[in-house]
Amino acid sequence: MAESKRTETGEGRRERKRRQTRERIENAAMALFLQRGFDATTIEDITEAADVSKRSFFDYFPSKEEVVFAWQDSFADRLMAEIAARPAEESSVEAVEAAITTTVIASVDERGLALGELIRCTPALKARDQLKYAKLEQKLAEALLLRKGNDSEQRSRMRVLAAIVIGALRVGGELWQQRPAGASPQDVAHEIFAELWKMLSEFGDQAKTRL
């Protein structure tokens, strides 16, 4: 009975303990990565710092790389939640801009910035980092389509919109590294989207001449 007792959030004791163990491993690993560097940190270092067995580590993460990219998976989950929370009367363009801006701003903290720098400075992580955009694009398309009631006629449109927006997010990540001193994440996000919609409008005008 006690084992199956659930909290107000619906999380049982077993689920809570697993979440806490996973978070402990992730936090210990990230602290070591940022302190020593990714390549200089071993799985044994992580398990010792997190006070778990090596077997326990592999129960949660198949590799060191996956510890780093667990943060990116949480970013995708937060983005999907923001899309779902947008008002139904908003257009897809308005919803996706607002959701991405909110999620990016919430993610730009000291740890997020340090993690981004770690990825850029580690070749093994930099190569793997590109896969996140494909996953984000797929999840974003699914979330946008859900807002359309899973209308099959909207599937292609939402896939194209997701591809365009995630492409802009990729470029935005590069521009963020070149941002002026003191520029806020919100200002950068608004600037990128303003430029994106302007370019798409111009491309649309050019495309009309070919119809």
N, C-alpha and C. Protein backbone atom coordinates (compact mmCIF):
# COMPACT_ATOMS: atom_id res chain seq x y z
N MET A 1 0.83 -1.21 0.00
CA MET A 1 0.00 0.00 0.00
C MET A 1 0.86 1.26 0.00
N ALA A 2 1.89 1.25 0.92
CA ALA A 2 2.75 2.43 1.00
C ALA A 2 3.51 2.64 -0.29
N GLU A 3 3.95 1.53 -0.93
CA GLU A 3 4.74 1.63 -2.16
C GLU A 3 3.95 2.24 -3.29
N SER A 4 2.63 1.99 -3.30
CA SER A 4 1.80 2.47 -4.40
C SER A 4 1.17 3.83 -4.12
N LYS A 5 1.39 4.34 -2.89
CA LYS A 5 0.81 5.64 -2.54
C LYS A 5 1.36 6.71 -3.46
N ARG A 6 0.49 7.59 -3.92
CA ARG A 6 0.91 8.59 -4.90
C ARG A 6 0.77 9.98 -4.32
N THR A 7 1.60 10.88 -4.80
CA THR A 7 1.56 12.26 -4.35
C THR A 7 0.44 12.98 -5.08
N GLU A 8 0.27 14.26 -4.72
CA GLU A 8 -0.78 15.06 -5.37
C GLU A 8 -0.52 15.23 -6.85
N THR A 9 0.74 15.13 -7.27
CA THR A 9 1.07 15.28 -8.69
C THR A 9 0.91 13.96 -9.44
N GLY A 10 0.51 12.89 -8.72
CA GLY A 10 0.30 11.61 -9.37
C GLY A 10 1.57 10.77 -9.45
N GLU A 11 2.65 11.23 -8.80
CA GLU A 11 3.92 10.52 -8.84
C GLU A 11 4.02 9.57 -7.65
N GLY A 12 4.21 8.29 -7.91
CA GLY A 12 4.35 7.32 -6.85
C GLY A 12 5.75 7.35 -6.26
N ARG A 13 5.93 6.63 -5.14
CA ARG A 13 7.22 6.62 -4.46
C ARG A 13 8.32 6.08 -5.37
N ARG A 14 8.02 5.00 -6.08
CA ARG A 14 9.02 4.41 -6.96
C ARG A 14 9.41 5.36 -8.07
N GLU A 15 8.41 6.00 -8.69
CA GLU A 15 8.70 6.96 -9.75
C GLU A 15 9.51 8.13 -9.23
N ARG A 16 9.16 8.58 -8.01
CA ARG A 16 9.88 9.70 -7.42
C ARG A 16 11.34 9.35 -7.16
N LYS A 17 11.59 8.15 -6.64
CA LYS A 17 12.96 7.74 -6.36
C LYS A 17 13.77 7.60 -7.65
N ARG A 18 13.14 7.09 -8.70
CA ARG A 18 13.83 6.98 -9.98
C ARG A 18 14.15 8.36 -10.54
N ARG A 19 13.20 9.27 -10.45
CA ARG A 19 13.44 10.63 -10.94
C ARG A 19 14.57 11.28 -10.16
N GLN A 20 14.58 11.11 -8.86
CA GLN A 20 15.61 11.73 -8.02
C GLN A 20 16.99 11.14 -8.33
N THR A 21 17.03 9.82 -8.55
CA THR A 21 18.31 9.19 -8.89
C THR A 21 18.82 9.69 -10.24
N ARG A 22 17.91 9.78 -11.20
CA ARG A 22 18.29 10.27 -12.53
C ARG A 22 18.80 11.70 -12.44
N GLU A 23 18.12 12.54 -11.67
CA GLU A 23 18.54 13.93 -11.53
C GLU A 23 19.88 14.02 -10.82
N ARG A 24 20.11 13.14 -9.85
CA ARG A 24 21.39 13.14 -9.13
C ARG A 24 22.54 12.79 -10.07
N ILE A 25 22.32 11.78 -10.90
CA ILE A 25 23.34 11.40 -11.88
C ILE A 25 23.59 12.54 -12.86
N GLU A 26 22.51 13.12 -13.35
CA GLU A 26 22.64 14.20 -14.34
C GLU A 26 23.36 15.40 -13.75
N ASN A 27 22.99 15.79 -12.54
CA ASN A 27 23.62 16.94 -11.91
C ASN A 27 25.10 16.70 -11.61
N ALA A 28 25.41 15.49 -11.14
CA ALA A 28 26.81 15.17 -10.85
C ALA A 28 27.62 15.18 -12.14
N ALA A 29 27.07 14.60 -13.19
CA ALA A 29 27.78 14.55 -14.47
C ALA A 29 28.01 15.94 -15.02
N MET A 30 26.98 16.76 -15.00
CA MET A 30 27.13 18.10 -15.57
C MET A 30 28.14 18.92 -14.80
N ALA A 31 28.15 18.79 -13.48
CA ALA A 31 29.12 19.52 -12.67
C ALA A 31 30.54 19.10 -13.03
N LEU A 32 30.75 17.80 -13.23
CA LEU A 32 32.08 17.31 -13.60
C LEU A 32 32.47 17.72 -15.01
N PHE A 33 31.51 17.65 -15.94
CA PHE A 33 31.79 18.05 -17.32
C PHE A 33 32.25 19.50 -17.37
N LEU A 34 31.54 20.35 -16.63
CA LEU A 34 31.85 21.78 -16.67
C LEU A 34 33.13 22.10 -15.92
N GLN A 35 33.46 21.27 -14.95
CA GLN A 35 34.68 21.49 -14.16
C GLN A 35 35.91 20.92 -14.85
N ARG A 36 35.81 19.68 -15.35
CA ARG A 36 36.97 18.99 -15.89
C ARG A 36 37.01 18.93 -17.42
N GLY A 37 35.84 19.10 -18.02
CA GLY A 37 35.72 18.86 -19.46
C GLY A 37 35.07 17.51 -19.70
N PHE A 38 34.43 17.37 -20.84
CA PHE A 38 33.69 16.14 -21.14
C PHE A 38 34.62 14.95 -21.29
N ASP A 39 35.65 15.09 -22.08
CA ASP A 39 36.55 13.97 -22.37
C ASP A 39 37.31 13.50 -21.13
N ALA A 40 37.61 14.41 -20.23
CA ALA A 40 38.39 14.06 -19.04
C ALA A 40 37.54 13.44 -17.93
N THR A 41 36.24 13.43 -18.11
CA THR A 41 35.35 12.86 -17.11
C THR A 41 34.96 11.44 -17.51
N THR A 42 35.14 10.49 -16.61
CA THR A 42 34.78 9.10 -16.88
C THR A 42 33.43 8.77 -16.25
N ILE A 43 32.86 7.68 -16.70
CA ILE A 43 31.61 7.23 -16.09
C ILE A 43 31.83 6.87 -14.63
N GLU A 44 33.01 6.33 -14.33
CA GLU A 44 33.33 6.02 -12.94
C GLU A 44 33.36 7.29 -12.09
N ASP A 45 33.87 8.38 -12.64
CA ASP A 45 33.86 9.66 -11.93
C ASP A 45 32.43 10.08 -11.61
N ILE A 46 31.57 9.90 -12.58
CA ILE A 46 30.17 10.32 -12.41
C ILE A 46 29.47 9.47 -11.36
N THR A 47 29.65 8.15 -11.44
CA THR A 47 28.96 7.27 -10.49
C THR A 47 29.46 7.52 -9.06
N GLU A 48 30.73 7.81 -8.93
CA GLU A 48 31.26 8.10 -7.59
C GLU A 48 30.67 9.39 -7.05
N ALA A 49 30.62 10.42 -7.89
CA ALA A 49 30.09 11.70 -7.45
C ALA A 49 28.60 11.62 -7.14
N ALA A 50 27.88 10.79 -7.90
CA ALA A 50 26.43 10.66 -7.70
C ALA A 50 26.08 9.59 -6.66
N ASP A 51 27.11 8.83 -6.21
CA ASP A 51 26.92 7.76 -5.23
C ASP A 51 25.94 6.71 -5.75
N VAL A 52 26.18 6.26 -6.97
CA VAL A 52 25.39 5.17 -7.56
C VAL A 52 26.36 4.18 -8.19
N SER A 53 25.87 2.98 -8.47
CA SER A 53 26.69 1.98 -9.13
C SER A 53 26.76 2.26 -10.63
N LYS A 54 27.77 1.65 -11.27
CA LYS A 54 27.88 1.78 -12.71
C LYS A 54 26.66 1.20 -13.40
N ARG A 55 26.15 0.11 -12.84
CA ARG A 55 24.94 -0.50 -13.41
C ARG A 55 23.76 0.46 -13.34
N SER A 56 23.67 1.17 -12.22
CA SER A 56 22.59 2.14 -12.09
C SER A 56 22.71 3.26 -13.13
N PHE A 57 23.94 3.68 -13.38
CA PHE A 57 24.15 4.71 -14.40
C PHE A 57 23.55 4.26 -15.72
N PHE A 58 23.89 3.03 -16.13
CA PHE A 58 23.42 2.54 -17.43
C PHE A 58 21.93 2.23 -17.44
N ASP A 59 21.32 2.14 -16.28
CA ASP A 59 19.86 1.99 -16.22
C ASP A 59 19.17 3.26 -16.71
N TYR A 60 19.86 4.39 -16.59
CA TYR A 60 19.27 5.68 -16.94
C TYR A 60 19.86 6.28 -18.21
N PHE A 61 21.15 6.05 -18.43
CA PHE A 61 21.82 6.66 -19.57
C PHE A 61 22.71 5.63 -20.26
N PRO A 62 22.57 5.46 -21.57
CA PRO A 62 23.41 4.49 -22.28
C PRO A 62 24.85 4.96 -22.49
N SER A 63 25.11 6.26 -22.31
CA SER A 63 26.45 6.79 -22.54
C SER A 63 26.59 8.15 -21.87
N LYS A 64 27.82 8.65 -21.80
CA LYS A 64 28.05 10.00 -21.27
C LYS A 64 27.33 11.04 -22.12
N GLU A 65 27.36 10.83 -23.42
CA GLU A 65 26.73 11.80 -24.34
C GLU A 65 25.27 12.00 -24.01
N GLU A 66 24.59 10.90 -23.67
CA GLU A 66 23.16 10.99 -23.43
C GLU A 66 22.83 11.78 -22.17
N VAL A 67 23.77 11.87 -21.23
CA VAL A 67 23.55 12.71 -20.05
C VAL A 67 23.45 14.16 -20.48
N VAL A 68 24.34 14.56 -21.36
CA VAL A 68 24.33 15.94 -21.86
C VAL A 68 23.04 16.24 -22.60
N PHE A 69 22.63 15.32 -23.45
CA PHE A 69 21.49 15.60 -24.32
C PHE A 69 20.14 15.34 -23.65
N ALA A 70 20.18 14.85 -22.42
CA ALA A 70 18.94 14.78 -21.65
C ALA A 70 18.38 16.18 -21.44
N TRP A 71 19.28 17.16 -21.31
CA TRP A 71 18.85 18.55 -21.16
C TRP A 71 18.11 19.02 -22.41
N GLN A 72 18.60 18.62 -23.56
CA GLN A 72 17.94 19.03 -24.80
C GLN A 72 16.57 18.37 -24.94
N ASP A 73 16.45 17.14 -24.48
CA ASP A 73 15.15 16.47 -24.52
C ASP A 73 14.15 17.22 -23.64
N SER A 74 14.61 17.72 -22.52
CA SER A 74 13.71 18.47 -21.65
C SER A 74 13.30 19.78 -22.30
N PHE A 75 14.19 20.36 -23.09
CA PHE A 75 13.85 21.57 -23.84
C PHE A 75 12.71 21.28 -24.81
N ALA A 76 12.80 20.16 -25.52
CA ALA A 76 11.76 19.78 -26.47
C ALA A 76 10.43 19.57 -25.76
N ASP A 77 10.47 18.94 -24.59
CA ASP A 77 9.24 18.69 -23.83
C ASP A 77 8.61 20.01 -23.38
N ARG A 78 9.44 20.95 -22.95
CA ARG A 78 8.91 22.25 -22.52
C ARG A 78 8.31 23.01 -23.70
N LEU A 79 8.95 22.89 -24.86
CA LEU A 79 8.43 23.56 -26.06
C LEU A 79 7.07 22.99 -26.44
N MET A 80 6.94 21.67 -26.40
CA MET A 80 5.66 21.05 -26.75
C MET A 80 4.56 21.49 -25.77
N ALA A 81 4.91 21.60 -24.50
CA ALA A 81 3.94 22.03 -23.50
C ALA A 81 3.51 23.47 -23.76
N GLU A 82 4.45 24.32 -24.16
CA GLU A 82 4.12 25.71 -24.45
C GLU A 82 3.21 25.81 -25.68
N ILE A 83 3.47 25.00 -26.70
CA ILE A 83 2.61 24.99 -27.89
C ILE A 83 1.20 24.58 -27.50
N ALA A 84 1.08 23.54 -26.68
CA ALA A 84 -0.24 23.05 -26.28
C ALA A 84 -0.99 24.08 -25.44
N ALA A 85 -0.25 24.93 -24.73
CA ALA A 85 -0.89 25.90 -23.84
C ALA A 85 -1.31 27.19 -24.55
N ARG A 86 -0.91 27.38 -25.78
CA ARG A 86 -1.27 28.61 -26.48
C ARG A 86 -2.77 28.65 -26.78
N PRO A 87 -3.37 29.85 -26.78
CA PRO A 87 -4.81 29.96 -27.05
C PRO A 87 -5.20 29.35 -28.39
N ALA A 88 -6.33 28.69 -28.41
CA ALA A 88 -6.77 27.99 -29.62
C ALA A 88 -7.01 28.95 -30.79
N GLU A 89 -7.36 30.20 -30.47
CA GLU A 89 -7.67 31.15 -31.54
C GLU A 89 -6.42 31.72 -32.20
N GLU A 90 -5.26 31.49 -31.63
CA GLU A 90 -4.03 31.98 -32.24
C GLU A 90 -3.72 31.23 -33.52
N SER A 91 -3.12 31.92 -34.46
CA SER A 91 -2.66 31.24 -35.67
C SER A 91 -1.46 30.37 -35.31
N SER A 92 -1.15 29.44 -36.18
CA SER A 92 0.00 28.57 -35.95
C SER A 92 1.29 29.38 -35.87
N VAL A 93 1.40 30.40 -36.71
CA VAL A 93 2.60 31.25 -36.71
C VAL A 93 2.73 31.98 -35.38
N GLU A 94 1.64 32.56 -34.90
CA GLU A 94 1.69 33.28 -33.62
C GLU A 94 2.01 32.33 -32.46
N ALA A 95 1.40 31.16 -32.49
CA ALA A 95 1.60 30.18 -31.41
C ALA A 95 3.04 29.71 -31.35
N VAL A 96 3.61 29.40 -32.51
CA VAL A 96 4.96 28.85 -32.51
C VAL A 96 5.99 29.91 -32.13
N GLU A 97 5.78 31.14 -32.57
CA GLU A 97 6.72 32.20 -32.18
C GLU A 97 6.69 32.44 -30.68
N ALA A 98 5.49 32.55 -30.13
CA ALA A 98 5.36 32.80 -28.69
C ALA A 98 5.93 31.64 -27.88
N ALA A 99 5.65 30.41 -28.30
CA ALA A 99 6.10 29.24 -27.55
C ALA A 99 7.63 29.12 -27.59
N ILE A 100 8.22 29.29 -28.75
CA ILE A 100 9.67 29.17 -28.84
C ILE A 100 10.36 30.30 -28.08
N THR A 101 9.85 31.51 -28.19
CA THR A 101 10.45 32.63 -27.47
C THR A 101 10.43 32.38 -25.97
N THR A 102 9.28 31.94 -25.46
CA THR A 102 9.16 31.66 -24.02
C THR A 102 10.10 30.55 -23.59
N THR A 103 10.17 29.48 -24.38
CA THR A 103 11.00 28.33 -24.01
C THR A 103 12.48 28.67 -24.07
N VAL A 104 12.89 29.40 -25.09
CA VAL A 104 14.30 29.78 -25.22
C VAL A 104 14.71 30.69 -24.06
N ILE A 105 13.89 31.67 -23.75
CA ILE A 105 14.21 32.59 -22.67
C ILE A 105 14.35 31.85 -21.34
N ALA A 106 13.44 30.90 -21.11
CA ALA A 106 13.48 30.14 -19.86
C ALA A 106 14.70 29.24 -19.78
N SER A 107 15.27 28.90 -20.93
CA SER A 107 16.40 27.97 -20.97
C SER A 107 17.76 28.67 -20.92
N VAL A 108 17.75 29.99 -21.12
CA VAL A 108 19.02 30.72 -21.14
C VAL A 108 19.37 31.14 -19.72
N ASP A 109 19.87 30.17 -18.95
CA ASP A 109 20.38 30.46 -17.62
C ASP A 109 21.87 30.12 -17.59
N GLU A 110 22.47 30.25 -16.44
CA GLU A 110 23.92 30.03 -16.34
C GLU A 110 24.30 28.62 -16.77
N ARG A 111 23.49 27.64 -16.35
CA ARG A 111 23.82 26.26 -16.69
C ARG A 111 23.62 26.01 -18.19
N GLY A 112 22.53 26.56 -18.73
CA GLY A 112 22.26 26.37 -20.15
C GLY A 112 23.34 26.97 -21.03
N LEU A 113 23.82 28.16 -20.65
CA LEU A 113 24.89 28.80 -21.42
C LEU A 113 26.19 28.01 -21.32
N ALA A 114 26.48 27.50 -20.11
CA ALA A 114 27.70 26.71 -19.93
C ALA A 114 27.63 25.41 -20.71
N LEU A 115 26.44 24.82 -20.74
CA LEU A 115 26.26 23.58 -21.49
C LEU A 115 26.46 23.82 -22.98
N GLY A 116 25.91 24.91 -23.48
CA GLY A 116 26.08 25.24 -24.88
C GLY A 116 27.55 25.41 -25.25
N GLU A 117 28.30 26.04 -24.38
CA GLU A 117 29.73 26.23 -24.62
C GLU A 117 30.46 24.90 -24.58
N LEU A 118 30.06 24.03 -23.65
CA LEU A 118 30.68 22.70 -23.57
C LEU A 118 30.47 21.93 -24.87
N ILE A 119 29.27 21.97 -25.40
CA ILE A 119 28.96 21.26 -26.64
C ILE A 119 29.78 21.81 -27.80
N ARG A 120 29.87 23.13 -27.89
CA ARG A 120 30.61 23.74 -28.99
C ARG A 120 32.11 23.42 -28.94
N CYS A 121 32.63 23.19 -27.74
CA CYS A 121 34.06 22.95 -27.58
C CYS A 121 34.43 21.47 -27.58
N THR A 122 33.43 20.60 -27.72
CA THR A 122 33.69 19.16 -27.66
C THR A 122 33.24 18.53 -28.98
N PRO A 123 34.16 18.12 -29.83
CA PRO A 123 33.78 17.59 -31.15
C PRO A 123 32.76 16.46 -31.10
N ALA A 124 32.91 15.54 -30.17
CA ALA A 124 31.97 14.41 -30.10
C ALA A 124 30.56 14.88 -29.79
N LEU A 125 30.44 15.92 -28.97
CA LEU A 125 29.12 16.45 -28.62
C LEU A 125 28.59 17.36 -29.73
N LYS A 126 29.47 18.08 -30.39
CA LYS A 126 29.04 18.99 -31.45
C LYS A 126 28.40 18.24 -32.60
N ALA A 127 28.97 17.09 -32.95
CA ALA A 127 28.39 16.29 -34.03
C ALA A 127 27.02 15.76 -33.63
N ARG A 128 26.91 15.27 -32.42
CA ARG A 128 25.65 14.72 -31.92
C ARG A 128 24.60 15.80 -31.75
N ASP A 129 25.04 17.02 -31.51
CA ASP A 129 24.14 18.14 -31.26
C ASP A 129 23.21 18.40 -32.44
N GLN A 130 23.67 18.12 -33.65
CA GLN A 130 22.87 18.41 -34.83
C GLN A 130 21.61 17.54 -34.90
N LEU A 131 21.65 16.40 -34.25
CA LEU A 131 20.48 15.51 -34.27
C LEU A 131 19.29 16.09 -33.53
N LYS A 132 19.55 17.00 -32.61
CA LYS A 132 18.45 17.55 -31.82
C LYS A 132 17.46 18.31 -32.70
N TYR A 133 17.97 18.92 -33.77
CA TYR A 133 17.08 19.71 -34.62
C TYR A 133 16.08 18.83 -35.36
N ALA A 134 16.51 17.65 -35.77
CA ALA A 134 15.58 16.73 -36.43
C ALA A 134 14.49 16.29 -35.47
N LYS A 135 14.87 16.01 -34.22
CA LYS A 135 13.89 15.60 -33.21
C LYS A 135 12.95 16.75 -32.88
N LEU A 136 13.50 17.96 -32.75
CA LEU A 136 12.67 19.12 -32.46
C LEU A 136 11.67 19.38 -33.59
N GLU A 137 12.15 19.25 -34.82
CA GLU A 137 11.27 19.48 -35.96
C GLU A 137 10.09 18.51 -35.97
N GLN A 138 10.38 17.25 -35.72
CA GLN A 138 9.32 16.24 -35.71
C GLN A 138 8.32 16.50 -34.58
N LYS A 139 8.82 16.80 -33.40
CA LYS A 139 7.92 17.04 -32.26
C LYS A 139 7.10 18.31 -32.46
N LEU A 140 7.74 19.33 -33.02
CA LEU A 140 7.02 20.58 -33.25
C LEU A 140 5.91 20.38 -34.27
N ALA A 141 6.20 19.65 -35.34
CA ALA A 141 5.17 19.37 -36.35
C ALA A 141 3.99 18.62 -35.73
N GLU A 142 4.28 17.67 -34.86
CA GLU A 142 3.22 16.90 -34.20
C GLU A 142 2.37 17.80 -33.30
N ALA A 143 3.04 18.69 -32.57
CA ALA A 143 2.31 19.58 -31.66
C ALA A 143 1.45 20.57 -32.43
N LEU A 144 1.97 21.09 -33.53
CA LEU A 144 1.19 22.02 -34.34
C LEU A 144 0.01 21.33 -35.00
N LEU A 145 0.22 20.10 -35.45
CA LEU A 145 -0.87 19.35 -36.07
C LEU A 145 -1.96 19.04 -35.06
N LEU A 146 -1.56 18.78 -33.83
CA LEU A 146 -2.54 18.50 -32.77
C LEU A 146 -3.44 19.70 -32.55
N ARG A 147 -2.88 20.91 -32.67
CA ARG A 147 -3.68 22.13 -32.55
C ARG A 147 -4.71 22.22 -33.66
N LYS A 148 -4.46 21.54 -34.76
CA LYS A 148 -5.38 21.53 -35.90
C LYS A 148 -6.32 20.32 -35.86
N GLY A 149 -6.38 19.67 -34.69
CA GLY A 149 -7.26 18.52 -34.56
C GLY A 149 -6.80 17.32 -35.35
N ASN A 150 -5.47 17.24 -35.60
CA ASN A 150 -4.91 16.14 -36.39
C ASN A 150 -5.55 16.04 -37.78
N ASP A 151 -5.90 17.20 -38.32
CA ASP A 151 -6.48 17.27 -39.66
C ASP A 151 -5.43 16.82 -40.68
N SER A 152 -5.68 15.74 -41.36
CA SER A 152 -4.69 15.19 -42.30
C SER A 152 -4.35 16.17 -43.41
N GLU A 153 -5.28 17.06 -43.75
CA GLU A 153 -5.03 18.03 -44.82
C GLU A 153 -4.03 19.10 -44.37
N GLN A 154 -3.85 19.23 -43.05
CA GLN A 154 -2.92 20.23 -42.52
C GLN A 154 -1.52 19.65 -42.25
N ARG A 155 -1.38 18.35 -42.40
CA ARG A 155 -0.13 17.70 -42.02
C ARG A 155 1.08 18.29 -42.77
N SER A 156 0.97 18.40 -44.08
CA SER A 156 2.10 18.90 -44.87
C SER A 156 2.42 20.35 -44.51
N ARG A 157 1.38 21.16 -44.30
CA ARG A 157 1.59 22.57 -43.95
C ARG A 157 2.33 22.70 -42.62
N MET A 158 1.92 21.89 -41.64
CA MET A 158 2.54 21.96 -40.32
C MET A 158 3.97 21.43 -40.35
N ARG A 159 4.23 20.45 -41.19
CA ARG A 159 5.59 19.93 -41.32
C ARG A 159 6.50 21.00 -41.93
N VAL A 160 5.99 21.70 -42.93
CA VAL A 160 6.79 22.75 -43.56
C VAL A 160 7.04 23.89 -42.57
N LEU A 161 6.00 24.28 -41.82
CA LEU A 161 6.17 25.35 -40.84
C LEU A 161 7.19 24.94 -39.78
N ALA A 162 7.10 23.71 -39.31
CA ALA A 162 8.05 23.23 -38.30
C ALA A 162 9.48 23.24 -38.85
N ALA A 163 9.64 22.81 -40.10
CA ALA A 163 10.98 22.79 -40.70
C ALA A 163 11.55 24.20 -40.81
N ILE A 164 10.71 25.15 -41.19
CA ILE A 164 11.15 26.53 -41.33
C ILE A 164 11.56 27.11 -39.98
N VAL A 165 10.72 26.88 -38.98
CA VAL A 165 10.96 27.47 -37.66
C VAL A 165 12.21 26.86 -37.01
N ILE A 166 12.37 25.55 -37.11
CA ILE A 166 13.54 24.92 -36.51
C ILE A 166 14.81 25.32 -37.26
N GLY A 167 14.69 25.54 -38.56
CA GLY A 167 15.82 26.07 -39.31
C GLY A 167 16.23 27.44 -38.79
N ALA A 168 15.23 28.26 -38.49
CA ALA A 168 15.50 29.59 -37.93
C ALA A 168 16.11 29.46 -36.54
N LEU A 169 15.66 28.47 -35.78
CA LEU A 169 16.21 28.25 -34.45
C LEU A 169 17.68 27.85 -34.52
N ARG A 170 18.01 27.06 -35.52
CA ARG A 170 19.41 26.65 -35.71
C ARG A 170 20.28 27.87 -36.02
N VAL A 171 19.80 28.70 -36.94
CA VAL A 171 20.55 29.92 -37.28
C VAL A 171 20.60 30.85 -36.07
N GLY A 172 19.49 30.89 -35.33
CA GLY A 172 19.44 31.74 -34.15
C GLY A 172 20.47 31.35 -33.12
N GLY A 173 20.72 30.05 -32.99
CA GLY A 173 21.72 29.59 -32.05
C GLY A 173 23.11 30.10 -32.42
N GLU A 174 23.37 30.18 -33.73
CA GLU A 174 24.66 30.70 -34.20
C GLU A 174 24.74 32.22 -34.00
N LEU A 175 23.62 32.89 -34.25
CA LEU A 175 23.61 34.34 -34.08
C LEU A 175 23.74 34.74 -32.62
N TRP A 176 23.23 33.87 -31.74
CA TRP A 176 23.31 34.16 -30.30
C TRP A 176 24.77 34.30 -29.87
N GLN A 177 25.65 33.53 -30.50
CA GLN A 177 27.07 33.60 -30.16
C GLN A 177 27.68 34.93 -30.61
N GLN A 178 27.02 35.60 -31.56
CA GLN A 178 27.55 36.86 -32.08
C GLN A 178 26.76 38.07 -31.56
N ARG A 179 25.93 37.84 -30.56
CA ARG A 179 25.05 38.89 -30.07
C ARG A 179 25.84 40.06 -29.49
N PRO A 180 25.31 41.27 -29.59
CA PRO A 180 25.96 42.43 -28.97
C PRO A 180 25.97 42.28 -27.45
N ALA A 181 26.93 42.87 -26.82
CA ALA A 181 27.00 42.82 -25.35
C ALA A 181 25.73 43.42 -24.75
N GLY A 182 25.16 42.70 -23.80
CA GLY A 182 23.97 43.20 -23.12
C GLY A 182 22.66 42.85 -23.80
N ALA A 183 22.72 42.24 -24.98
CA ALA A 183 21.47 41.86 -25.67
C ALA A 183 20.76 40.77 -24.89
N SER A 184 19.46 40.91 -24.73
CA SER A 184 18.69 39.93 -23.98
C SER A 184 18.22 38.81 -24.91
N PRO A 185 17.98 37.61 -24.37
CA PRO A 185 17.46 36.51 -25.20
C PRO A 185 16.14 36.88 -25.88
N GLN A 186 15.30 37.65 -25.18
CA GLN A 186 14.01 38.04 -25.75
C GLN A 186 14.21 38.95 -26.97
N ASP A 187 15.14 39.91 -26.86
CA ASP A 187 15.40 40.81 -27.99
C ASP A 187 15.93 40.04 -29.19
N VAL A 188 16.86 39.10 -28.93
CA VAL A 188 17.43 38.31 -30.01
C VAL A 188 16.37 37.45 -30.67
N ALA A 189 15.50 36.82 -29.86
CA ALA A 189 14.45 35.96 -30.40
C ALA A 189 13.48 36.76 -31.26
N HIS A 190 13.07 37.92 -30.79
CA HIS A 190 12.13 38.76 -31.56
C HIS A 190 12.78 39.23 -32.86
N GLU A 191 14.05 39.57 -32.80
CA GLU A 191 14.75 40.03 -33.99
C GLU A 191 14.85 38.92 -35.04
N ILE A 192 15.14 37.70 -34.56
CA ILE A 192 15.27 36.57 -35.49
C ILE A 192 13.93 36.27 -36.15
N PHE A 193 12.85 36.25 -35.37
CA PHE A 193 11.54 35.95 -35.95
C PHE A 193 11.09 37.06 -36.89
N ALA A 194 11.35 38.31 -36.53
CA ALA A 194 10.97 39.41 -37.42
C ALA A 194 11.65 39.27 -38.77
N GLU A 195 12.94 38.92 -38.74
CA GLU A 195 13.69 38.74 -39.98
C GLU A 195 13.19 37.51 -40.75
N LEU A 196 12.84 36.45 -40.00
CA LEU A 196 12.33 35.23 -40.64
C LEU A 196 11.05 35.50 -41.40
N TRP A 197 10.07 36.13 -40.75
CA TRP A 197 8.79 36.36 -41.43
C TRP A 197 8.96 37.32 -42.59
N LYS A 198 9.88 38.29 -42.45
CA LYS A 198 10.14 39.21 -43.55
C LYS A 198 10.69 38.46 -44.77
N MET A 199 11.66 37.58 -44.52
CA MET A 199 12.26 36.83 -45.63
C MET A 199 11.24 35.90 -46.28
N LEU A 200 10.40 35.26 -45.46
CA LEU A 200 9.39 34.35 -46.03
C LEU A 200 8.40 35.12 -46.88
N SER A 201 8.06 36.33 -46.43
CA SER A 201 7.15 37.16 -47.22
C SER A 201 7.78 37.52 -48.57
N GLU A 202 9.05 37.85 -48.54
CA GLU A 202 9.75 38.19 -49.78
C GLU A 202 9.85 36.98 -50.70
N PHE A 203 10.16 35.82 -50.11
CA PHE A 203 10.23 34.60 -50.91
C PHE A 203 8.86 34.28 -51.51
N GLY A 204 7.80 34.53 -50.71
CA GLY A 204 6.45 34.29 -51.20
C GLY A 204 6.12 35.15 -52.40
N ASP A 205 6.53 36.41 -52.34
CA ASP A 205 6.29 37.32 -53.46
C ASP A 205 7.03 36.83 -54.71
N GLN A 206 8.26 36.35 -54.51
CA GLN A 206 9.03 35.84 -55.65
C GLN A 206 8.39 34.57 -56.21
N ALA A 207 7.88 33.73 -55.31
CA ALA A 207 7.27 32.48 -55.76
C ALA A 207 6.02 32.74 -56.59
N LYS A 208 5.27 33.80 -56.27
CA LYS A 208 4.05 34.11 -56.98
C LYS A 208 4.32 34.41 -58.45
N THR A 209 5.50 34.91 -58.74
CA THR A 209 5.82 35.25 -60.13
C THR A 209 6.02 34.00 -60.98
N ARG A 210 6.17 32.84 -60.30
CA ARG A 210 6.38 31.60 -61.04
C ARG A 210 5.09 30.81 -61.22
N LEU A 211 3.99 31.33 -60.64
CA LEU A 211 2.71 30.61 -60.76
C LEU A 211 2.04 30.90 -62.10
